[in-house]
Amino acid sequence: KESLKYDTGFMEGDSFYTERIDMKFKWTDDLLLKHLTIDNQHKELFRRLNNLYDAIQEGQEEKEINETIAFLNEYVTTHFIAEETLMQRYDYPDYVTHKGIHVAFMSDMDKLLASYANSPDPYQSILDIYNMCVRWLQDHIQETDKKLGQFLAKQSR
């Protein structure tokens, strides 16, 4: 679902990203890139997303949910920088496209965070953030990051 315009499709109502997820995400080995750093960061992202899901389901205080969302936003940025640094270090040929996809995700995340901050229904906005992150990251890892993982594996030979 990632286009050359670096559009995640989420903000335009793409059903792939707006379809509801009514359970915690389960990590599966098909998401592994075989790059320890990136794989561990991906696992941590999903662990934190599951923490957000738990917070929503348990009706935790808004402060706790806000802290989880802030951490997720910061960690996604850290993870993208780590991936982009690897791409630059090894002169990854799809760097510009991959980075553009990251920029589009962060833009959509910023829009969702702004919507959450101003929402009359914060619960729905939190679910939107959770759903967008899980769907997008699954798709991004399976498509875009897999290509990067294959490229990095060739570089270490």
N, C-alpha and C. Protein backbone atom coordinates (compact mmCIF):
# COMPACT_ATOMS: atom_id res chain seq x y z
N LYS A 1 0.81 -1.20 0.00
CA LYS A 1 0.00 0.00 0.00
C LYS A 1 0.85 1.26 0.00
N GLU A 2 2.15 1.12 -0.10
CA GLU A 2 3.01 2.29 -0.08
C GLU A 2 3.21 2.76 -1.52
N SER A 3 2.89 3.99 -1.77
CA SER A 3 2.98 4.50 -3.13
C SER A 3 4.25 5.30 -3.32
N LEU A 4 4.56 5.60 -4.56
CA LEU A 4 5.73 6.41 -4.85
C LEU A 4 5.59 7.83 -4.33
N LYS A 5 4.38 8.24 -4.02
CA LYS A 5 4.17 9.56 -3.42
C LYS A 5 4.42 9.50 -1.92
N TYR A 6 4.80 8.34 -1.43
CA TYR A 6 5.07 8.13 -0.01
C TYR A 6 3.82 8.36 0.83
N ASP A 7 2.70 7.96 0.33
CA ASP A 7 1.43 8.15 1.01
C ASP A 7 1.06 6.85 1.70
N THR A 8 0.85 6.90 3.00
CA THR A 8 0.47 5.69 3.71
C THR A 8 -0.96 5.28 3.41
N GLY A 9 -1.77 6.21 2.92
CA GLY A 9 -3.15 5.90 2.61
C GLY A 9 -4.06 6.00 3.81
N PHE A 10 -3.50 6.06 5.01
CA PHE A 10 -4.34 6.02 6.20
C PHE A 10 -5.24 7.24 6.32
N MET A 11 -4.70 8.41 6.15
CA MET A 11 -5.49 9.61 6.38
C MET A 11 -6.58 9.80 5.33
N GLU A 12 -6.43 9.12 4.20
CA GLU A 12 -7.44 9.23 3.15
C GLU A 12 -8.52 8.15 3.30
N GLY A 13 -8.46 7.38 4.39
CA GLY A 13 -9.51 6.41 4.65
C GLY A 13 -9.32 5.07 3.96
N ASP A 14 -8.12 4.72 3.59
CA ASP A 14 -7.83 3.44 2.97
C ASP A 14 -8.29 2.33 3.92
N SER A 15 -9.13 1.44 3.45
CA SER A 15 -9.71 0.43 4.32
C SER A 15 -8.67 -0.51 4.91
N PHE A 16 -7.54 -0.69 4.22
CA PHE A 16 -6.50 -1.56 4.77
C PHE A 16 -6.03 -1.05 6.12
N TYR A 17 -5.92 0.26 6.25
CA TYR A 17 -5.40 0.84 7.48
C TYR A 17 -6.50 1.20 8.47
N THR A 18 -7.72 1.34 8.04
CA THR A 18 -8.78 1.73 8.96
C THR A 18 -9.58 0.53 9.46
N GLU A 19 -9.33 -0.65 8.90
CA GLU A 19 -9.98 -1.85 9.40
C GLU A 19 -9.55 -2.05 10.86
N ARG A 20 -10.50 -2.34 11.71
CA ARG A 20 -10.22 -2.44 13.14
C ARG A 20 -9.47 -3.71 13.51
N ILE A 21 -8.58 -3.57 14.44
CA ILE A 21 -7.88 -4.70 15.03
C ILE A 21 -8.42 -4.82 16.45
N ASP A 22 -9.05 -5.93 16.75
CA ASP A 22 -9.69 -6.07 18.05
C ASP A 22 -8.92 -7.03 18.95
N MET A 23 -7.61 -7.09 18.74
CA MET A 23 -6.79 -7.95 19.59
C MET A 23 -5.36 -7.44 19.58
N LYS A 24 -4.58 -7.99 20.48
CA LYS A 24 -3.18 -7.63 20.53
C LYS A 24 -2.47 -8.22 19.31
N PHE A 25 -1.41 -7.55 18.92
CA PHE A 25 -0.60 -8.02 17.81
C PHE A 25 0.25 -9.19 18.26
N LYS A 26 0.33 -10.21 17.42
CA LYS A 26 1.19 -11.35 17.71
C LYS A 26 2.37 -11.34 16.74
N TRP A 27 3.56 -11.23 17.29
CA TRP A 27 4.78 -11.25 16.48
C TRP A 27 4.95 -12.64 15.89
N THR A 28 5.31 -12.70 14.61
CA THR A 28 5.60 -13.97 13.96
C THR A 28 6.96 -13.86 13.26
N ASP A 29 7.62 -14.99 13.11
CA ASP A 29 8.96 -15.00 12.54
C ASP A 29 9.01 -14.55 11.08
N ASP A 30 7.87 -14.52 10.40
CA ASP A 30 7.90 -14.04 9.02
C ASP A 30 8.19 -12.54 8.96
N LEU A 31 8.18 -11.86 10.10
CA LEU A 31 8.52 -10.45 10.15
C LEU A 31 10.01 -10.21 10.39
N LEU A 32 10.75 -11.28 10.66
CA LEU A 32 12.19 -11.14 10.90
C LEU A 32 12.93 -10.75 9.63
N LEU A 33 13.87 -9.83 9.78
CA LEU A 33 14.72 -9.42 8.65
C LEU A 33 16.08 -10.11 8.71
N LYS A 34 16.36 -10.75 9.82
CA LYS A 34 17.66 -11.38 10.08
C LYS A 34 18.75 -10.33 10.28
N HIS A 35 18.35 -9.18 10.78
CA HIS A 35 19.29 -8.14 11.20
C HIS A 35 18.94 -7.86 12.66
N LEU A 36 19.83 -8.25 13.56
CA LEU A 36 19.53 -8.24 14.99
C LEU A 36 19.01 -6.90 15.50
N THR A 37 19.68 -5.82 15.16
CA THR A 37 19.28 -4.50 15.66
C THR A 37 17.88 -4.13 15.19
N ILE A 38 17.64 -4.24 13.90
CA ILE A 38 16.33 -3.87 13.35
C ILE A 38 15.25 -4.80 13.88
N ASP A 39 15.52 -6.10 13.91
CA ASP A 39 14.52 -7.04 14.42
C ASP A 39 14.17 -6.74 15.88
N ASN A 40 15.16 -6.46 16.69
CA ASN A 40 14.89 -6.14 18.09
C ASN A 40 14.08 -4.85 18.22
N GLN A 41 14.38 -3.86 17.39
CA GLN A 41 13.60 -2.63 17.42
C GLN A 41 12.16 -2.86 16.98
N HIS A 42 11.97 -3.67 15.94
CA HIS A 42 10.62 -3.99 15.50
C HIS A 42 9.85 -4.70 16.62
N LYS A 43 10.48 -5.66 17.27
CA LYS A 43 9.82 -6.37 18.36
C LYS A 43 9.45 -5.41 19.50
N GLU A 44 10.35 -4.49 19.80
CA GLU A 44 10.07 -3.52 20.87
C GLU A 44 8.91 -2.61 20.48
N LEU A 45 8.87 -2.20 19.22
CA LEU A 45 7.75 -1.37 18.76
C LEU A 45 6.42 -2.09 18.98
N PHE A 46 6.38 -3.36 18.61
CA PHE A 46 5.13 -4.10 18.77
C PHE A 46 4.83 -4.40 20.23
N ARG A 47 5.86 -4.59 21.04
CA ARG A 47 5.63 -4.77 22.47
C ARG A 47 4.98 -3.51 23.05
N ARG A 48 5.50 -2.37 22.64
CA ARG A 48 4.94 -1.10 23.14
C ARG A 48 3.54 -0.86 22.58
N LEU A 49 3.31 -1.25 21.33
CA LEU A 49 1.95 -1.14 20.79
C LEU A 49 0.98 -2.01 21.58
N ASN A 50 1.42 -3.19 21.95
CA ASN A 50 0.57 -4.06 22.77
C ASN A 50 0.34 -3.45 24.15
N ASN A 51 1.34 -2.74 24.68
CA ASN A 51 1.13 -2.03 25.95
C ASN A 51 0.05 -0.97 25.79
N LEU A 52 0.06 -0.28 24.65
CA LEU A 52 -0.98 0.72 24.37
C LEU A 52 -2.34 0.04 24.29
N TYR A 53 -2.40 -1.09 23.62
CA TYR A 53 -3.66 -1.83 23.52
C TYR A 53 -4.17 -2.21 24.92
N ASP A 54 -3.26 -2.71 25.77
CA ASP A 54 -3.64 -3.06 27.13
C ASP A 54 -4.16 -1.85 27.89
N ALA A 55 -3.46 -0.73 27.73
CA ALA A 55 -3.88 0.50 28.42
C ALA A 55 -5.29 0.91 27.99
N ILE A 56 -5.58 0.77 26.71
CA ILE A 56 -6.91 1.11 26.19
C ILE A 56 -7.95 0.16 26.80
N GLN A 57 -7.66 -1.14 26.74
CA GLN A 57 -8.61 -2.14 27.22
C GLN A 57 -8.85 -2.04 28.72
N GLU A 58 -7.81 -1.66 29.46
CA GLU A 58 -7.92 -1.59 30.92
C GLU A 58 -8.46 -0.25 31.40
N GLY A 59 -8.69 0.67 30.45
CA GLY A 59 -9.21 1.97 30.82
C GLY A 59 -8.26 2.78 31.68
N GLN A 60 -6.98 2.67 31.38
CA GLN A 60 -5.99 3.38 32.17
C GLN A 60 -6.19 4.89 32.08
N GLU A 61 -5.59 5.57 33.02
CA GLU A 61 -5.66 7.02 33.07
C GLU A 61 -5.08 7.63 31.80
N GLU A 62 -5.61 8.77 31.41
CA GLU A 62 -5.15 9.46 30.21
C GLU A 62 -3.66 9.76 30.27
N LYS A 63 -3.16 10.09 31.45
CA LYS A 63 -1.73 10.39 31.62
C LYS A 63 -0.87 9.20 31.20
N GLU A 64 -1.25 8.00 31.63
CA GLU A 64 -0.49 6.79 31.30
C GLU A 64 -0.55 6.51 29.80
N ILE A 65 -1.71 6.70 29.23
CA ILE A 65 -1.87 6.49 27.79
C ILE A 65 -1.03 7.51 27.02
N ASN A 66 -1.06 8.76 27.46
CA ASN A 66 -0.26 9.80 26.80
C ASN A 66 1.23 9.49 26.88
N GLU A 67 1.69 8.97 28.00
CA GLU A 67 3.10 8.61 28.15
C GLU A 67 3.46 7.48 27.19
N THR A 68 2.58 6.51 27.04
CA THR A 68 2.83 5.40 26.12
C THR A 68 2.87 5.90 24.68
N ILE A 69 1.95 6.76 24.32
CA ILE A 69 1.92 7.31 22.96
C ILE A 69 3.17 8.14 22.70
N ALA A 70 3.58 8.95 23.67
CA ALA A 70 4.79 9.77 23.50
C ALA A 70 6.01 8.89 23.32
N PHE A 71 6.11 7.82 24.11
CA PHE A 71 7.24 6.91 23.96
C PHE A 71 7.22 6.27 22.57
N LEU A 72 6.06 5.80 22.15
CA LEU A 72 5.95 5.18 20.83
C LEU A 72 6.41 6.14 19.74
N ASN A 73 5.95 7.35 19.79
CA ASN A 73 6.30 8.34 18.78
C ASN A 73 7.82 8.57 18.77
N GLU A 74 8.40 8.68 19.95
CA GLU A 74 9.85 8.88 20.06
C GLU A 74 10.62 7.65 19.57
N TYR A 75 10.14 6.47 19.93
CA TYR A 75 10.84 5.25 19.55
C TYR A 75 10.76 5.00 18.05
N VAL A 76 9.63 5.31 17.44
CA VAL A 76 9.51 5.17 15.99
C VAL A 76 10.54 6.07 15.31
N THR A 77 10.69 7.29 15.80
CA THR A 77 11.68 8.21 15.23
C THR A 77 13.08 7.64 15.39
N THR A 78 13.40 7.13 16.56
CA THR A 78 14.71 6.52 16.82
C THR A 78 14.95 5.34 15.87
N HIS A 79 13.93 4.51 15.72
CA HIS A 79 14.04 3.35 14.84
C HIS A 79 14.26 3.77 13.39
N PHE A 80 13.50 4.74 12.91
CA PHE A 80 13.67 5.20 11.53
C PHE A 80 15.07 5.76 11.31
N ILE A 81 15.59 6.50 12.27
CA ILE A 81 16.95 7.03 12.15
C ILE A 81 17.96 5.89 12.07
N ALA A 82 17.76 4.85 12.87
CA ALA A 82 18.67 3.70 12.84
C ALA A 82 18.64 3.02 11.47
N GLU A 83 17.45 2.80 10.93
CA GLU A 83 17.33 2.19 9.61
C GLU A 83 17.98 3.07 8.54
N GLU A 84 17.69 4.36 8.60
CA GLU A 84 18.21 5.28 7.58
C GLU A 84 19.73 5.40 7.67
N THR A 85 20.28 5.32 8.86
CA THR A 85 21.73 5.35 9.03
C THR A 85 22.37 4.12 8.38
N LEU A 86 21.76 2.96 8.58
CA LEU A 86 22.25 1.73 7.93
C LEU A 86 22.17 1.85 6.41
N MET A 87 21.06 2.40 5.93
CA MET A 87 20.89 2.55 4.48
C MET A 87 21.98 3.45 3.90
N GLN A 88 22.28 4.52 4.59
CA GLN A 88 23.31 5.44 4.11
C GLN A 88 24.69 4.81 4.21
N ARG A 89 24.97 4.12 5.30
CA ARG A 89 26.28 3.49 5.50
C ARG A 89 26.60 2.51 4.38
N TYR A 90 25.59 1.76 3.94
CA TYR A 90 25.82 0.73 2.92
C TYR A 90 25.35 1.16 1.53
N ASP A 91 25.04 2.43 1.37
CA ASP A 91 24.63 3.00 0.08
C ASP A 91 23.46 2.22 -0.52
N TYR A 92 22.41 2.07 0.28
CA TYR A 92 21.22 1.34 -0.13
C TYR A 92 20.57 2.04 -1.32
N PRO A 93 20.35 1.34 -2.43
CA PRO A 93 19.84 2.00 -3.64
C PRO A 93 18.42 2.56 -3.52
N ASP A 94 17.60 2.04 -2.62
CA ASP A 94 16.23 2.53 -2.45
C ASP A 94 16.09 3.47 -1.24
N TYR A 95 17.21 4.07 -0.83
CA TYR A 95 17.21 4.92 0.35
C TYR A 95 16.18 6.05 0.25
N VAL A 96 16.16 6.77 -0.85
CA VAL A 96 15.28 7.94 -0.97
C VAL A 96 13.81 7.53 -0.85
N THR A 97 13.44 6.46 -1.51
CA THR A 97 12.07 5.97 -1.45
C THR A 97 11.72 5.51 -0.03
N HIS A 98 12.62 4.73 0.57
CA HIS A 98 12.37 4.20 1.91
C HIS A 98 12.25 5.33 2.93
N LYS A 99 13.15 6.30 2.86
CA LYS A 99 13.09 7.44 3.77
C LYS A 99 11.79 8.23 3.55
N GLY A 100 11.38 8.39 2.31
CA GLY A 100 10.13 9.09 2.02
C GLY A 100 8.93 8.40 2.64
N ILE A 101 8.94 7.09 2.66
CA ILE A 101 7.87 6.32 3.28
C ILE A 101 7.85 6.57 4.79
N HIS A 102 9.04 6.64 5.39
CA HIS A 102 9.13 6.96 6.81
C HIS A 102 8.56 8.36 7.09
N VAL A 103 8.91 9.31 6.24
CA VAL A 103 8.44 10.69 6.41
C VAL A 103 6.90 10.73 6.33
N ALA A 104 6.34 9.99 5.39
CA ALA A 104 4.88 9.96 5.24
C ALA A 104 4.22 9.37 6.47
N PHE A 105 4.81 8.31 7.01
CA PHE A 105 4.26 7.70 8.23
C PHE A 105 4.27 8.71 9.37
N MET A 106 5.38 9.39 9.55
CA MET A 106 5.49 10.36 10.65
C MET A 106 4.49 11.50 10.46
N SER A 107 4.26 11.90 9.22
CA SER A 107 3.28 12.94 8.94
C SER A 107 1.87 12.48 9.35
N ASP A 108 1.53 11.25 8.99
CA ASP A 108 0.22 10.72 9.36
C ASP A 108 0.12 10.54 10.88
N MET A 109 1.22 10.12 11.50
CA MET A 109 1.23 9.97 12.95
C MET A 109 1.01 11.34 13.62
N ASP A 110 1.67 12.36 13.11
CA ASP A 110 1.48 13.71 13.65
C ASP A 110 0.02 14.15 13.53
N LYS A 111 -0.62 13.84 12.40
CA LYS A 111 -2.03 14.20 12.22
C LYS A 111 -2.92 13.46 13.22
N LEU A 112 -2.61 12.18 13.43
CA LEU A 112 -3.40 11.41 14.40
C LEU A 112 -3.19 11.92 15.82
N LEU A 113 -1.96 12.27 16.14
CA LEU A 113 -1.69 12.80 17.48
C LEU A 113 -2.41 14.13 17.71
N ALA A 114 -2.43 14.96 16.68
CA ALA A 114 -3.15 16.23 16.77
C ALA A 114 -4.65 15.97 16.92
N SER A 115 -5.15 15.01 16.18
CA SER A 115 -6.57 14.66 16.27
C SER A 115 -6.89 14.14 17.67
N TYR A 116 -6.00 13.33 18.22
CA TYR A 116 -6.19 12.80 19.57
C TYR A 116 -6.23 13.93 20.59
N ALA A 117 -5.31 14.87 20.45
CA ALA A 117 -5.22 15.98 21.41
C ALA A 117 -6.48 16.84 21.41
N ASN A 118 -7.17 16.91 20.27
CA ASN A 118 -8.35 17.77 20.13
C ASN A 118 -9.66 17.00 20.03
N SER A 119 -9.61 15.72 20.29
CA SER A 119 -10.78 14.87 20.03
C SER A 119 -11.81 14.91 21.15
N PRO A 120 -13.09 14.98 20.73
CA PRO A 120 -14.15 14.82 21.73
C PRO A 120 -14.29 13.35 22.15
N ASP A 121 -13.68 12.44 21.34
CA ASP A 121 -13.72 11.01 21.64
C ASP A 121 -12.28 10.47 21.64
N PRO A 122 -11.51 10.75 22.72
CA PRO A 122 -10.11 10.34 22.74
C PRO A 122 -9.92 8.83 22.61
N TYR A 123 -10.88 8.06 23.10
CA TYR A 123 -10.79 6.60 22.99
C TYR A 123 -10.70 6.18 21.53
N GLN A 124 -11.56 6.76 20.69
CA GLN A 124 -11.54 6.43 19.26
C GLN A 124 -10.23 6.86 18.62
N SER A 125 -9.71 8.01 19.00
CA SER A 125 -8.45 8.50 18.45
C SER A 125 -7.28 7.60 18.84
N ILE A 126 -7.30 7.09 20.07
CA ILE A 126 -6.24 6.17 20.51
C ILE A 126 -6.32 4.88 19.70
N LEU A 127 -7.54 4.39 19.49
CA LEU A 127 -7.70 3.19 18.66
C LEU A 127 -7.20 3.44 17.24
N ASP A 128 -7.45 4.63 16.71
CA ASP A 128 -6.95 4.97 15.38
C ASP A 128 -5.43 4.92 15.34
N ILE A 129 -4.79 5.45 16.36
CA ILE A 129 -3.32 5.43 16.43
C ILE A 129 -2.83 3.99 16.49
N TYR A 130 -3.43 3.19 17.36
CA TYR A 130 -3.03 1.79 17.48
C TYR A 130 -3.20 1.04 16.16
N ASN A 131 -4.38 1.17 15.59
CA ASN A 131 -4.66 0.46 14.34
C ASN A 131 -3.73 0.89 13.21
N MET A 132 -3.53 2.17 13.06
CA MET A 132 -2.66 2.66 11.99
C MET A 132 -1.25 2.12 12.18
N CYS A 133 -0.73 2.19 13.39
CA CYS A 133 0.63 1.74 13.65
C CYS A 133 0.80 0.25 13.37
N VAL A 134 -0.10 -0.56 13.90
CA VAL A 134 0.03 -2.01 13.71
C VAL A 134 -0.09 -2.38 12.24
N ARG A 135 -1.13 -1.90 11.58
CA ARG A 135 -1.31 -2.23 10.16
C ARG A 135 -0.14 -1.74 9.31
N TRP A 136 0.24 -0.49 9.52
CA TRP A 136 1.31 0.08 8.70
C TRP A 136 2.62 -0.64 8.95
N LEU A 137 2.97 -0.88 10.22
CA LEU A 137 4.24 -1.53 10.50
C LEU A 137 4.29 -2.96 9.97
N GLN A 138 3.20 -3.70 10.10
CA GLN A 138 3.17 -5.05 9.53
C GLN A 138 3.45 -4.99 8.04
N ASP A 139 2.73 -4.14 7.35
CA ASP A 139 2.87 -4.02 5.90
C ASP A 139 4.27 -3.52 5.54
N HIS A 140 4.75 -2.52 6.24
CA HIS A 140 6.06 -1.93 5.96
C HIS A 140 7.18 -2.95 6.18
N ILE A 141 7.10 -3.69 7.27
CA ILE A 141 8.13 -4.70 7.54
C ILE A 141 8.11 -5.77 6.46
N GLN A 142 6.92 -6.28 6.14
CA GLN A 142 6.82 -7.38 5.19
C GLN A 142 7.21 -6.98 3.78
N GLU A 143 7.03 -5.73 3.43
CA GLU A 143 7.34 -5.29 2.07
C GLU A 143 8.66 -4.54 2.00
N THR A 144 8.67 -3.34 2.51
CA THR A 144 9.80 -2.43 2.35
C THR A 144 11.02 -2.87 3.16
N ASP A 145 10.81 -3.20 4.43
CA ASP A 145 11.95 -3.57 5.27
C ASP A 145 12.55 -4.91 4.89
N LYS A 146 11.75 -5.83 4.37
CA LYS A 146 12.30 -7.12 3.91
C LYS A 146 13.35 -6.90 2.83
N LYS A 147 13.07 -5.97 1.92
CA LYS A 147 14.03 -5.66 0.86
C LYS A 147 15.32 -5.11 1.47
N LEU A 148 15.18 -4.24 2.44
CA LEU A 148 16.35 -3.71 3.12
C LEU A 148 17.12 -4.82 3.82
N GLY A 149 16.42 -5.70 4.49
CA GLY A 149 17.07 -6.83 5.18
C GLY A 149 17.84 -7.71 4.23
N GLN A 150 17.26 -8.00 3.07
CA GLN A 150 17.97 -8.81 2.07
C GLN A 150 19.22 -8.10 1.58
N PHE A 151 19.11 -6.80 1.36
CA PHE A 151 20.26 -6.00 0.92
C PHE A 151 21.36 -6.02 2.00
N LEU A 152 20.99 -5.80 3.24
CA LEU A 152 21.98 -5.78 4.32
C LEU A 152 22.65 -7.14 4.50
N ALA A 153 21.89 -8.22 4.30
CA ALA A 153 22.46 -9.56 4.42
C ALA A 153 23.56 -9.77 3.37
N LYS A 154 23.36 -9.25 2.18
CA LYS A 154 24.36 -9.37 1.12
C LYS A 154 25.61 -8.56 1.45
N GLN A 155 25.45 -7.47 2.18
CA GLN A 155 26.58 -6.60 2.50
C GLN A 155 27.49 -7.23 3.53
N SER A 156 26.95 -8.12 4.36
CA SER A 156 27.75 -8.71 5.43
C SER A 156 28.47 -9.99 4.99
N ARG A 157 28.30 -10.37 3.75
CA ARG A 157 28.97 -11.59 3.26
C ARG A 157 30.40 -11.33 2.91
